[in-house]
Amino acid sequence: MSARKAHEVRIELATLRELFRAAEPDPLSGRPYGDAGIDRILSMVRPLPAGPVNATIVLPGIVARFVDEGLVIAGWVALWYPLDVLLYQHWPLTRAQRLDAQLRDMELEFEFVD
C-alpha cells in the first residue's frame, strides 16, 4: 500500500479574520483576492484528485503593519519640532516686533511741573 503525497496549498492573509470573512475591497493593497481564505482554499483543493491536503496560511502583515505604523509615528515625532518652530514659535517674536514698532511710533508728550 503506497502513501499518497499530500497536496500543498498556500494562501496569504492580512489578518486571521480574513480566513472566514472576505477582506474589504482595496485596489491599492496589491492583493487580487476578494474571497474569504477558506473559500480560496476550497477553490484550490476542488480540482485536485482526492487525497490529503496540507494548507499553509501566511500572515506577514502583522510585523509589516507594526513596522509601517511605527515608522509613521516616528516620522511625526521627528517632524513635530520643525513644525512647531514653523507654525508656532514665530508668534512671540512677531508679538515682540509689533510691540517694538508701537513703542517706536508712539507719540510722547512731556509736562514740566514747577
Protein backbone atom coordinates (compact mmCIF):
# COMPACT_ATOMS: atom_id res chain seq x y z
CA MET A 1 0.00 0.00 0.00
CA SER A 2 1.55 3.29 -1.09
CA ALA A 3 1.22 6.52 0.85
CA ARG A 4 -0.39 9.28 -1.11
CA LYS A 5 1.51 12.52 -1.48
CA ALA A 6 -0.22 15.43 0.21
CA HIS A 7 -1.35 18.37 -1.89
CA GLU A 8 0.22 21.67 -0.77
CA VAL A 9 -1.99 24.76 -0.60
CA ARG A 10 -0.61 28.17 0.40
CA ILE A 11 -2.61 31.37 0.94
CA GLU A 12 -1.65 34.77 2.27
CA LEU A 13 -3.92 36.69 4.59
CA ALA A 14 -3.53 40.17 6.04
CA THR A 15 -5.30 39.14 9.25
CA LEU A 16 -6.54 35.88 10.69
CA ARG A 17 -10.07 37.26 10.43
CA GLU A 18 -9.81 37.00 6.63
CA LEU A 19 -9.80 33.22 6.93
CA PHE A 20 -13.59 33.23 7.38
CA ARG A 21 -14.57 36.70 6.16
CA ALA A 22 -13.83 38.34 2.83
CA ALA A 23 -11.41 41.26 3.01
CA GLU A 24 -12.69 44.74 2.33
CA PRO A 25 -12.08 45.66 -1.30
CA ASP A 26 -8.87 47.68 -1.56
CA PRO A 27 -7.45 48.21 -5.03
CA LEU A 28 -4.24 49.68 -3.61
CA SER A 29 -3.37 46.68 -1.43
CA GLY A 30 -1.89 44.72 -4.31
CA ARG A 31 -3.85 41.60 -3.35
CA PRO A 32 -6.25 40.38 -6.02
CA TYR A 33 -8.35 38.27 -3.66
CA GLY A 34 -11.80 39.29 -2.56
CA ASP A 35 -12.93 35.93 -1.14
CA ALA A 36 -12.56 34.59 2.37
CA GLY A 37 -9.47 32.45 2.95
CA ILE A 38 -11.44 29.23 3.42
CA ASP A 39 -13.17 29.81 0.07
CA ARG A 40 -9.79 30.29 -1.61
CA ILE A 41 -8.53 27.04 -0.07
CA LEU A 42 -11.63 25.21 -1.29
CA SER A 43 -11.24 26.61 -4.81
CA MET A 44 -7.62 25.36 -4.90
CA VAL A 45 -8.46 21.92 -3.47
CA ARG A 46 -11.63 21.28 -5.51
CA PRO A 47 -9.90 20.49 -8.84
CA LEU A 48 -7.26 18.25 -7.22
CA PRO A 49 -7.65 14.49 -7.01
CA ALA A 50 -8.76 13.06 -3.68
CA GLY A 51 -6.03 12.84 -1.10
CA PRO A 52 -4.54 14.56 1.91
CA VAL A 53 -4.10 18.33 1.83
CA ASN A 54 -1.56 20.45 3.70
CA ALA A 55 -2.55 24.12 3.93
CA THR A 56 -0.16 26.91 4.82
CA ILE A 57 -1.60 30.24 5.91
CA VAL A 58 0.89 33.10 5.75
CA LEU A 59 0.33 36.16 7.96
CA PRO A 60 3.36 38.54 7.16
CA GLY A 61 1.15 41.59 7.52
CA ILE A 62 1.33 41.70 11.34
CA VAL A 63 5.02 42.56 11.51
CA ALA A 64 4.89 44.71 8.39
CA ARG A 65 1.94 46.67 9.76
CA PHE A 66 3.70 47.17 13.10
CA VAL A 67 6.83 48.45 11.34
CA ASP A 68 4.80 50.59 8.93
CA GLU A 69 2.73 52.27 11.62
CA GLY A 70 5.80 52.60 13.85
CA LEU A 71 7.62 54.45 11.07
CA VAL A 72 4.65 56.77 10.57
CA ILE A 73 4.59 57.60 14.29
CA ALA A 74 8.38 58.06 14.37
CA GLY A 75 8.12 60.36 11.36
CA TRP A 76 5.50 62.54 13.04
CA VAL A 77 7.58 62.70 16.21
CA ALA A 78 10.65 63.67 14.18
CA LEU A 79 8.69 66.38 12.35
CA TRP A 80 6.99 67.77 15.43
CA TYR A 81 9.74 70.20 16.46
CA PRO A 82 10.32 71.66 12.96
CA LEU A 83 6.56 72.06 12.51
CA ASP A 84 6.29 73.66 15.94
CA VAL A 85 9.04 76.12 15.04
CA LEU A 86 7.48 76.86 11.66
CA LEU A 87 3.90 77.28 12.88
CA TYR A 88 4.03 78.49 16.47
CA GLN A 89 7.38 79.77 17.71
CA HIS A 90 7.36 82.84 15.48
CA TRP A 91 4.29 84.21 17.29
CA PRO A 92 6.17 85.53 20.35
CA LEU A 93 8.77 87.09 18.04
CA THR A 94 6.03 88.69 15.92
CA ARG A 95 4.32 89.97 19.07
CA ALA A 96 7.61 91.45 20.33
CA GLN A 97 8.25 93.10 16.96
CA ARG A 98 4.75 94.58 16.98
CA LEU A 99 5.28 95.97 20.49
CA ASP A 100 8.65 97.44 19.47
CA ALA A 101 7.02 99.08 16.45
CA GLN A 102 4.29 100.53 18.70
CA LEU A 103 6.94 101.92 21.05
CA ARG A 104 8.92 103.36 18.12
CA ASP A 105 5.88 105.09 16.62
CA MET A 106 4.47 106.25 19.95
CA GLU A 107 3.90 109.97 20.42
CA LEU A 108 5.50 111.37 23.53
CA GLU A 109 4.37 114.41 25.46
CA PHE A 110 6.36 115.93 28.25
CA GLU A 111 4.91 118.07 31.02
CA PHE A 112 7.19 120.00 33.24
CA VAL A 113 5.97 120.95 36.66
CA ASP A 114 7.49 123.90 38.55
